[in-house]
Amino acid sequence: MTAEWPLTREHPRGPFVPRTGTAQEAPDGDERADTGTVQDPVAAVRAHLRSVQTALESLGGQSLRVAAWGEDLAQRLQAGHRLLAAGNGGSAAEAQHLTAELLGRFQDERAPFSAISLHADTSAVTAIANDYGFEELYARQVRAHGRPGDVLMLLSTSGKSPNLLRAAEVASRTGITTWALTGRSPNPLSLNCDETIAIDGPAPHVQECHLIALHAMCRAFDSEIRRLGRAGVRA
């Protein structure tokens, strides 16, 4: 176990003291990334934590859809369908976070369910990107893995990623339901998916709220799985 640095021990470069008051702190509610003034680290953190509230409120207004996605996904996966998930960069990490929750468990013990992160197989990713181009990265995998009744979840803060748009296009021709988690809507991805949860805010807050949305959806998923079990429903 890694020991934390004791607060009473002097660091070789001297004790750390936050530089509060050495630079101007942005006023409450100011979400601008660059105001032309220099913020000290503490002020920057406080401004970030304050400004995330707007994005959270945007997500809160879509709680019924989050719950509906969890319920629908539970019924599909319990019936033998699967979830495919994709994103780029941080959104790829969140897609993989979701599939891990379904393959393992979110909180309470339950059966594993079929969920595939389409970026996680590095050999497939590099082969497809090399031979067919990055734009085809996810579309080709959707054609390989997807079946009618499956769900493809696409995560993007901008909603403009060409490889996600191609994946949505292929899925729509295959009978796969498409869900998008994006930033401000309308955007190209939200317009090309069956349903969208769009977060209003700057990209960092959008991504933070995407993870909250996924965790909330997992709670709804687990709740529906328990209900189906009590009703005697089996895959």
C-alpha atoms as a PDB file:
ATOM      1  CA  MET A   1       0.000   0.000   0.000  1.00  0.00           C
ATOM      2  CA  THR A   2       1.376   3.401  -0.945  1.00  0.00           C
ATOM      3  CA  ALA A   3       1.720   5.651   2.092  1.00  0.00           C
ATOM      4  CA  GLU A   4       0.453   9.195   1.846  1.00  0.00           C
ATOM      5  CA  TRP A   5       2.929  11.996   2.511  1.00  0.00           C
ATOM      6  CA  PRO A   6       2.473  12.979   6.157  1.00  0.00           C
ATOM      7  CA  LEU A   7       1.155  16.492   6.555  1.00  0.00           C
ATOM      8  CA  THR A   8       3.640  17.182   9.348  1.00  0.00           C
ATOM      9  CA  ARG A   9       6.774  16.136   7.421  1.00  0.00           C
ATOM     10  CA  GLU A  10       8.629  18.755   5.452  1.00  0.00           C
ATOM     11  CA  HIS A  11       8.869  18.106   1.734  1.00  0.00           C
ATOM     12  CA  PRO A  12      12.420  18.347   0.263  1.00  0.00           C
ATOM     13  CA  ARG A  13      11.349  21.422  -1.671  1.00  0.00           C
ATOM     14  CA  GLY A  14       9.525  22.884   1.296  1.00  0.00           C
ATOM     15  CA  PRO A  15       5.918  22.500   2.507  1.00  0.00           C
ATOM     16  CA  PHE A  16       3.174  22.858  -0.092  1.00  0.00           C
ATOM     17  CA  VAL A  17       0.961  25.890   0.463  1.00  0.00           C
ATOM     18  CA  PRO A  18      -1.797  26.670  -2.095  1.00  0.00           C
ATOM     19  CA  ARG A  19      -1.222  30.063  -3.655  1.00  0.00           C
ATOM     20  CA  THR A  20      -4.553  31.492  -2.583  1.00  0.00           C
ATOM     21  CA  GLY A  21      -4.970  35.153  -3.165  1.00  0.00           C
ATOM     22  CA  THR A  22      -2.020  35.418  -5.550  1.00  0.00           C
ATOM     23  CA  ALA A  23      -4.183  35.666  -8.635  1.00  0.00           C
ATOM     24  CA  GLN A  24      -7.704  36.675  -9.488  1.00  0.00           C
ATOM     25  CA  GLU A  25     -10.469  34.130  -8.971  1.00  0.00           C
ATOM     26  CA  ALA A  26     -13.204  34.107 -11.582  1.00  0.00           C
ATOM     27  CA  PRO A  27     -16.572  35.308 -10.276  1.00  0.00           C
ATOM     28  CA  ASP A  28     -19.234  32.751  -9.398  1.00  0.00           C
ATOM     29  CA  GLY A  29     -20.877  31.255 -12.456  1.00  0.00           C
ATOM     30  CA  ASP A  30     -18.138  32.323 -14.860  1.00  0.00           C
ATOM     31  CA  GLU A  31     -17.600  29.291 -17.131  1.00  0.00           C
ATOM     32  CA  ARG A  32     -15.189  30.889 -19.581  1.00  0.00           C
ATOM     33  CA  ALA A  33     -12.067  28.836 -20.148  1.00  0.00           C
ATOM     34  CA  ASP A  34      -9.862  31.907 -20.677  1.00  0.00           C
ATOM     35  CA  THR A  35     -10.909  35.231 -19.195  1.00  0.00           C
ATOM     36  CA  GLY A  36      -7.642  36.971 -19.928  1.00  0.00           C
ATOM     37  CA  THR A  37      -6.628  36.824 -16.266  1.00  0.00           C
ATOM     38  CA  VAL A  38      -4.352  34.315 -14.562  1.00  0.00           C
ATOM     39  CA  GLN A  39      -6.094  32.057 -12.048  1.00  0.00           C
ATOM     40  CA  ASP A  40      -4.199  30.312  -9.273  1.00  0.00           C
ATOM     41  CA  PRO A  41      -4.765  26.514  -9.057  1.00  0.00           C
ATOM     42  CA  VAL A  42      -7.206  26.711  -6.147  1.00  0.00           C
ATOM     43  CA  ALA A  43      -9.333  29.304  -7.920  1.00  0.00           C
ATOM     44  CA  ALA A  44      -9.279  27.210 -11.092  1.00  0.00           C
ATOM     45  CA  VAL A  45     -10.507  24.128  -9.216  1.00  0.00           C
ATOM     46  CA  ARG A  46     -13.279  26.051  -7.476  1.00  0.00           C
ATOM     47  CA  ALA A  47     -14.420  27.609 -10.750  1.00  0.00           C
ATOM     48  CA  HIS A  48     -14.479  24.179 -12.401  1.00  0.00           C
ATOM     49  CA  LEU A  49     -16.547  22.643  -9.606  1.00  0.00           C
ATOM     50  CA  ARG A  50     -19.012  25.530  -9.655  1.00  0.00           C
ATOM     51  CA  SER A  51     -19.498  25.465 -13.414  1.00  0.00           C
ATOM     52  CA  VAL A  52     -20.200  21.730 -13.585  1.00  0.00           C
ATOM     53  CA  GLN A  53     -23.538  22.366 -11.888  1.00  0.00           C
ATOM     54  CA  THR A  54     -25.138  23.652 -15.104  1.00  0.00           C
ATOM     55  CA  ALA A  55     -24.201  20.478 -16.946  1.00  0.00           C
ATOM     56  CA  LEU A  56     -25.572  18.358 -14.089  1.00  0.00           C
ATOM     57  CA  GLU A  57     -28.860  20.219 -14.274  1.00  0.00           C
ATOM     58  CA  SER A  58     -28.979  19.505 -18.004  1.00  0.00           C
ATOM     59  CA  LEU A  59     -28.567  15.785 -17.271  1.00  0.00           C
ATOM     60  CA  GLY A  60     -31.141  15.915 -14.465  1.00  0.00           C
ATOM     61  CA  GLY A  61     -33.731  17.147 -16.931  1.00  0.00           C
ATOM     62  CA  GLN A  62     -33.256  13.913 -18.909  1.00  0.00           C
ATOM     63  CA  SER A  63     -33.483  11.474 -16.004  1.00  0.00           C
ATOM     64  CA  LEU A  64     -36.545   9.731 -17.451  1.00  0.00           C
ATOM     65  CA  ARG A  65     -34.616   8.865 -20.596  1.00  0.00           C
ATOM     66  CA  VAL A  66     -31.646   7.606 -18.576  1.00  0.00           C
ATOM     67  CA  ALA A  67     -33.994   5.319 -16.649  1.00  0.00           C
ATOM     68  CA  ALA A  68     -35.717   4.171 -19.837  1.00  0.00           C
ATOM     69  CA  TRP A  69     -32.377   3.256 -21.399  1.00  0.00           C
ATOM     70  CA  GLY A  70     -31.409   1.180 -18.368  1.00  0.00           C
ATOM     71  CA  GLU A  71     -34.752  -0.623 -18.378  1.00  0.00           C
ATOM     72  CA  ASP A  72     -34.700  -1.250 -22.132  1.00  0.00           C
ATOM     73  CA  LEU A  73     -31.090  -2.437 -22.084  1.00  0.00           C
ATOM     74  CA  ALA A  74     -31.822  -4.886 -19.262  1.00  0.00           C
ATOM     75  CA  GLN A  75     -34.697  -6.429 -21.194  1.00  0.00           C
ATOM     76  CA  ARG A  76     -32.633  -6.743 -24.370  1.00  0.00           C
ATOM     77  CA  LEU A  77     -29.545  -8.221 -22.732  1.00  0.00           C
ATOM     78  CA  GLN A  78     -31.626 -10.575 -20.607  1.00  0.00           C
ATOM     79  CA  ALA A  79     -33.188 -11.791 -23.861  1.00  0.00           C
ATOM     80  CA  GLY A  80     -29.773 -12.566 -25.351  1.00  0.00           C
ATOM     81  CA  HIS A  81     -28.971  -9.387 -27.272  1.00  0.00           C
ATOM     82  CA  ARG A  82     -25.793  -7.403 -26.686  1.00  0.00           C
ATOM     83  CA  LEU A  83     -24.496  -3.888 -26.226  1.00  0.00           C
ATOM     84  CA  LEU A  84     -21.830  -2.439 -28.516  1.00  0.00           C
ATOM     85  CA  ALA A  85     -20.181   0.775 -27.329  1.00  0.00           C
ATOM     86  CA  ALA A  86     -17.754   3.182 -28.965  1.00  0.00           C
ATOM     87  CA  GLY A  87     -16.119   6.575 -28.565  1.00  0.00           C
ATOM     88  CA  ASN A  88     -12.827   8.365 -29.130  1.00  0.00           C
ATOM     89  CA  GLY A  89     -10.280   9.423 -26.528  1.00  0.00           C
ATOM     90  CA  GLY A  90     -11.903   9.991 -23.145  1.00  0.00           C
ATOM     91  CA  SER A  91     -15.237   8.887 -24.584  1.00  0.00           C
ATOM     92  CA  ALA A  92     -13.655   5.557 -25.543  1.00  0.00           C
ATOM     93  CA  ALA A  93     -12.594   5.141 -21.912  1.00  0.00           C
ATOM     94  CA  GLU A  94     -16.169   5.805 -20.792  1.00  0.00           C
ATOM     95  CA  ALA A  95     -17.536   3.313 -23.322  1.00  0.00           C
ATOM     96  CA  GLN A  96     -15.180   0.709 -21.874  1.00  0.00           C
ATOM     97  CA  HIS A  97     -16.209   1.713 -18.362  1.00  0.00           C
ATOM     98  CA  LEU A  98     -19.822   0.889 -19.243  1.00  0.00           C
ATOM     99  CA  THR A  99     -19.072  -2.484 -20.790  1.00  0.00           C
ATOM    100  CA  ALA A 100     -16.973  -3.408 -17.755  1.00  0.00           C
ATOM    101  CA  GLU A 101     -19.933  -2.645 -15.471  1.00  0.00           C
ATOM    102  CA  LEU A 102     -22.125  -5.008 -17.505  1.00  0.00           C
ATOM    103  CA  LEU A 103     -19.589  -7.814 -17.889  1.00  0.00           C
ATOM    104  CA  GLY A 104     -18.573  -7.611 -14.255  1.00  0.00           C
ATOM    105  CA  ARG A 105     -21.015  -5.903 -11.959  1.00  0.00           C
ATOM    106  CA  PHE A 106     -22.015  -2.363 -11.123  1.00  0.00           C
ATOM    107  CA  GLN A 107     -22.643  -2.815  -7.409  1.00  0.00           C
ATOM    108  CA  ASP A 108     -24.708  -5.847  -6.422  1.00  0.00           C
ATOM    109  CA  GLU A 109     -23.961  -9.402  -7.517  1.00  0.00           C
ATOM    110  CA  ARG A 110     -25.720 -10.495 -10.706  1.00  0.00           C
ATOM    111  CA  ALA A 111     -25.131 -12.440 -13.905  1.00  0.00           C
ATOM    112  CA  PRO A 112     -22.726 -11.083 -16.558  1.00  0.00           C
ATOM    113  CA  PHE A 113     -24.146  -9.648 -19.757  1.00  0.00           C
ATOM    114  CA  SER A 114     -22.753  -9.352 -23.277  1.00  0.00           C
ATOM    115  CA  ALA A 115     -21.153  -5.947 -23.890  1.00  0.00           C
ATOM    116  CA  ILE A 116     -18.303  -5.080 -26.279  1.00  0.00           C
ATOM    117  CA  SER A 117     -16.148  -1.944 -26.408  1.00  0.00           C
ATOM    118  CA  LEU A 118     -15.277  -1.600 -30.068  1.00  0.00           C
ATOM    119  CA  HIS A 119     -11.969   0.197 -29.467  1.00  0.00           C
ATOM    120  CA  ALA A 120     -10.556  -2.290 -26.956  1.00  0.00           C
ATOM    121  CA  ASP A 121      -9.130  -4.885 -29.366  1.00  0.00           C
ATOM    122  CA  THR A 122      -5.913  -3.136 -30.402  1.00  0.00           C
ATOM    123  CA  SER A 123      -5.057  -5.621 -33.159  1.00  0.00           C
ATOM    124  CA  ALA A 124      -8.471  -5.188 -34.784  1.00  0.00           C
ATOM    125  CA  VAL A 125      -8.370  -1.405 -34.325  1.00  0.00           C
ATOM    126  CA  THR A 126      -4.959  -1.013 -35.933  1.00  0.00           C
ATOM    127  CA  ALA A 127      -5.723  -3.469 -38.747  1.00  0.00           C
ATOM    128  CA  ILE A 128      -8.994  -1.808 -39.680  1.00  0.00           C
ATOM    129  CA  ALA A 129      -7.591   1.716 -39.421  1.00  0.00           C
ATOM    130  CA  ASN A 130      -4.561   0.728 -41.498  1.00  0.00           C
ATOM    131  CA  ASP A 131      -6.465  -1.140 -44.212  1.00  0.00           C
ATOM    132  CA  TYR A 132      -9.754   0.751 -44.399  1.00  0.00           C
ATOM    133  CA  GLY A 133      -9.148   4.125 -42.752  1.00  0.00           C
ATOM    134  CA  PHE A 134     -10.042   5.459 -39.315  1.00  0.00           C
ATOM    135  CA  GLU A 135     -13.510   6.450 -40.490  1.00  0.00           C
ATOM    136  CA  GLU A 136     -14.397   2.761 -40.945  1.00  0.00           C
ATOM    137  CA  LEU A 137     -12.992   1.719 -37.564  1.00  0.00           C
ATOM    138  CA  TYR A 138     -16.336   1.159 -35.841  1.00  0.00           C
ATOM    139  CA  ALA A 139     -18.608   0.613 -38.836  1.00  0.00           C
ATOM    140  CA  ARG A 140     -16.761  -2.544 -39.828  1.00  0.00           C
ATOM    141  CA  GLN A 141     -17.008  -3.935 -36.305  1.00  0.00           C
ATOM    142  CA  VAL A 142     -20.718  -3.124 -36.136  1.00  0.00           C
ATOM    143  CA  ARG A 143     -21.202  -5.163 -39.314  1.00  0.00           C
ATOM    144  CA  ALA A 144     -19.263  -8.028 -37.733  1.00  0.00           C
ATOM    145  CA  HIS A 145     -20.698  -8.079 -34.219  1.00  0.00           C
ATOM    146  CA  GLY A 146     -24.107  -6.439 -34.465  1.00  0.00           C
ATOM    147  CA  ARG A 147     -27.414  -8.237 -34.807  1.00  0.00           C
ATOM    148  CA  PRO A 148     -30.992  -6.961 -34.990  1.00  0.00           C
ATOM    149  CA  GLY A 149     -32.184  -6.115 -31.491  1.00  0.00           C
ATOM    150  CA  ASP A 150     -28.729  -5.128 -30.224  1.00  0.00           C
ATOM    151  CA  VAL A 151     -27.927  -1.619 -28.955  1.00  0.00           C
ATOM    152  CA  LEU A 152     -25.047   0.530 -30.185  1.00  0.00           C
ATOM    153  CA  MET A 153     -24.135   3.304 -27.755  1.00  0.00           C
ATOM    154  CA  LEU A 154     -21.969   6.087 -29.184  1.00  0.00           C
ATOM    155  CA  LEU A 155     -20.282   8.658 -26.939  1.00  0.00           C
ATOM    156  CA  SER A 156     -18.981  11.990 -28.234  1.00  0.00           C
ATOM    157  CA  THR A 157     -18.695  15.420 -26.634  1.00  0.00           C
ATOM    158  CA  SER A 158     -18.872  17.125 -30.058  1.00  0.00           C
ATOM    159  CA  GLY A 159     -21.237  14.749 -31.828  1.00  0.00           C
ATOM    160  CA  LYS A 160     -19.180  15.178 -34.988  1.00  0.00           C
ATOM    161  CA  SER A 161     -16.782  12.198 -35.092  1.00  0.00           C
ATOM    162  CA  PRO A 162     -16.868  10.676 -38.608  1.00  0.00           C
ATOM    163  CA  ASN A 163     -16.167   7.127 -37.379  1.00  0.00           C
ATOM    164  CA  LEU A 164     -19.134   7.271 -34.993  1.00  0.00           C
ATOM    165  CA  LEU A 165     -21.401   8.690 -37.689  1.00  0.00           C
ATOM    166  CA  ARG A 166     -20.448   5.841 -40.028  1.00  0.00           C
ATOM    167  CA  ALA A 167     -21.122   3.320 -37.259  1.00  0.00           C
ATOM    168  CA  ALA A 168     -24.582   4.817 -36.675  1.00  0.00           C
ATOM    169  CA  GLU A 169     -25.298   4.642 -40.393  1.00  0.00           C
ATOM    170  CA  VAL A 170     -24.350   0.961 -40.613  1.00  0.00           C
ATOM    171  CA  ALA A 171     -26.283   0.110 -37.443  1.00  0.00           C
ATOM    172  CA  SER A 172     -29.465   1.711 -38.769  1.00  0.00           C
ATOM    173  CA  ARG A 173     -29.311  -0.572 -41.825  1.00  0.00           C
ATOM    174  CA  THR A 174     -28.744  -3.654 -39.636  1.00  0.00           C
ATOM    175  CA  GLY A 175     -31.704  -3.319 -37.272  1.00  0.00           C
ATOM    176  CA  ILE A 176     -29.524  -2.178 -34.367  1.00  0.00           C
ATOM    177  CA  THR A 177     -30.895   0.499 -32.041  1.00  0.00           C
ATOM    178  CA  THR A 178     -28.570   3.493 -31.734  1.00  0.00           C
ATOM    179  CA  TRP A 179     -28.202   5.664 -28.628  1.00  0.00           C
ATOM    180  CA  ALA A 180     -25.961   8.711 -28.441  1.00  0.00           C
ATOM    181  CA  LEU A 181     -24.433  10.483 -25.453  1.00  0.00           C
ATOM    182  CA  THR A 182     -23.275  13.873 -26.713  1.00  0.00           C
ATOM    183  CA  GLY A 183     -22.695  17.503 -25.884  1.00  0.00           C
ATOM    184  CA  ARG A 184     -24.999  20.296 -26.982  1.00  0.00           C
ATOM    185  CA  SER A 185     -27.708  19.234 -29.395  1.00  0.00           C
ATOM    186  CA  PRO A 186     -28.582  19.265 -32.230  1.00  0.00           C
ATOM    187  CA  ASN A 187     -25.367  17.838 -33.627  1.00  0.00           C
ATOM    188  CA  PRO A 188     -24.710  15.352 -36.462  1.00  0.00           C
ATOM    189  CA  LEU A 189     -24.623  12.310 -34.173  1.00  0.00           C
ATOM    190  CA  SER A 190     -27.811  13.217 -32.321  1.00  0.00           C
ATOM    191  CA  LEU A 191     -29.569  13.670 -35.668  1.00  0.00           C
ATOM    192  CA  ASN A 192     -28.446  10.230 -36.889  1.00  0.00           C
ATOM    193  CA  CYS A 193     -29.221   8.118 -33.810  1.00  0.00           C
ATOM    194  CA  ASP A 194     -32.552   6.790 -32.596  1.00  0.00           C
ATOM    195  CA  GLU A 195     -32.282   8.507 -29.196  1.00  0.00           C
ATOM    196  CA  THR A 196     -29.886  10.978 -27.604  1.00  0.00           C
ATOM    197  CA  ILE A 197     -28.976  12.292 -24.190  1.00  0.00           C
ATOM    198  CA  ALA A 198     -27.305  15.645 -24.842  1.00  0.00           C
ATOM    199  CA  ILE A 199     -25.493  17.541 -22.107  1.00  0.00           C
ATOM    200  CA  ASP A 200     -25.379  21.330 -22.257  1.00  0.00           C
ATOM    201  CA  GLY A 201     -21.929  22.525 -21.197  1.00  0.00           C
ATOM    202  CA  PRO A 202     -18.247  22.676 -22.121  1.00  0.00           C
ATOM    203  CA  ALA A 203     -16.561  19.439 -23.196  1.00  0.00           C
ATOM    204  CA  PRO A 204     -14.953  18.547 -19.825  1.00  0.00           C
ATOM    205  CA  HIS A 205     -18.277  18.842 -18.016  1.00  0.00           C
ATOM    206  CA  VAL A 206     -20.079  16.952 -20.788  1.00  0.00           C
ATOM    207  CA  GLN A 207     -17.685  14.048 -20.326  1.00  0.00           C
ATOM    208  CA  GLU A 208     -18.043  14.143 -16.540  1.00  0.00           C
ATOM    209  CA  CYS A 209     -21.821  14.025 -16.844  1.00  0.00           C
ATOM    210  CA  HIS A 210     -21.627  11.181 -19.352  1.00  0.00           C
ATOM    211  CA  LEU A 211     -20.042   9.030 -16.648  1.00  0.00           C
ATOM    212  CA  ILE A 212     -22.744  10.025 -14.158  1.00  0.00           C
ATOM    213  CA  ALA A 213     -25.383   9.173 -16.771  1.00  0.00           C
ATOM    214  CA  LEU A 214     -23.805   5.748 -17.344  1.00  0.00           C
ATOM    215  CA  HIS A 215     -23.727   4.985 -13.627  1.00  0.00           C
ATOM    216  CA  ALA A 216     -27.339   6.101 -13.242  1.00  0.00           C
ATOM    217  CA  MET A 217     -28.303   3.943 -16.211  1.00  0.00           C
ATOM    218  CA  CYS A 218     -26.549   0.977 -14.571  1.00  0.00           C
ATOM    219  CA  ARG A 219     -28.675   1.488 -11.455  1.00  0.00           C
ATOM    220  CA  ALA A 220     -31.817   1.375 -13.585  1.00  0.00           C
ATOM    221  CA  PHE A 221     -30.409  -1.662 -15.421  1.00  0.00           C
ATOM    222  CA  ASP A 222     -29.781  -3.580 -12.193  1.00  0.00           C
ATOM    223  CA  SER A 223     -33.193  -2.640 -10.834  1.00  0.00           C
ATOM    224  CA  GLU A 224     -34.897  -3.985 -13.961  1.00  0.00           C
ATOM    225  CA  ILE A 225     -32.787  -7.170 -13.916  1.00  0.00           C
ATOM    226  CA  ARG A 226     -33.934  -7.813 -10.338  1.00  0.00           C
ATOM    227  CA  ARG A 227     -37.551  -7.209 -11.357  1.00  0.00           C
ATOM    228  CA  LEU A 228     -37.246  -9.586 -14.286  1.00  0.00           C
ATOM    229  CA  GLY A 229     -35.719 -12.211 -12.001  1.00  0.00           C
ATOM    230  CA  ARG A 230     -38.588 -11.945  -9.539  1.00  0.00           C
ATOM    231  CA  ALA A 231     -41.010 -12.287 -12.461  1.00  0.00           C
ATOM    232  CA  GLY A 232     -39.273 -15.496 -13.531  1.00  0.00           C
ATOM    233  CA  VAL A 233     -38.003 -14.087 -16.834  1.00  0.00           C
ATOM    234  CA  ARG A 234     -34.962 -15.909 -18.244  1.00  0.00           C
ATOM    235  CA  ALA A 235     -32.838 -15.364 -21.297  1.00  0.00           C
END
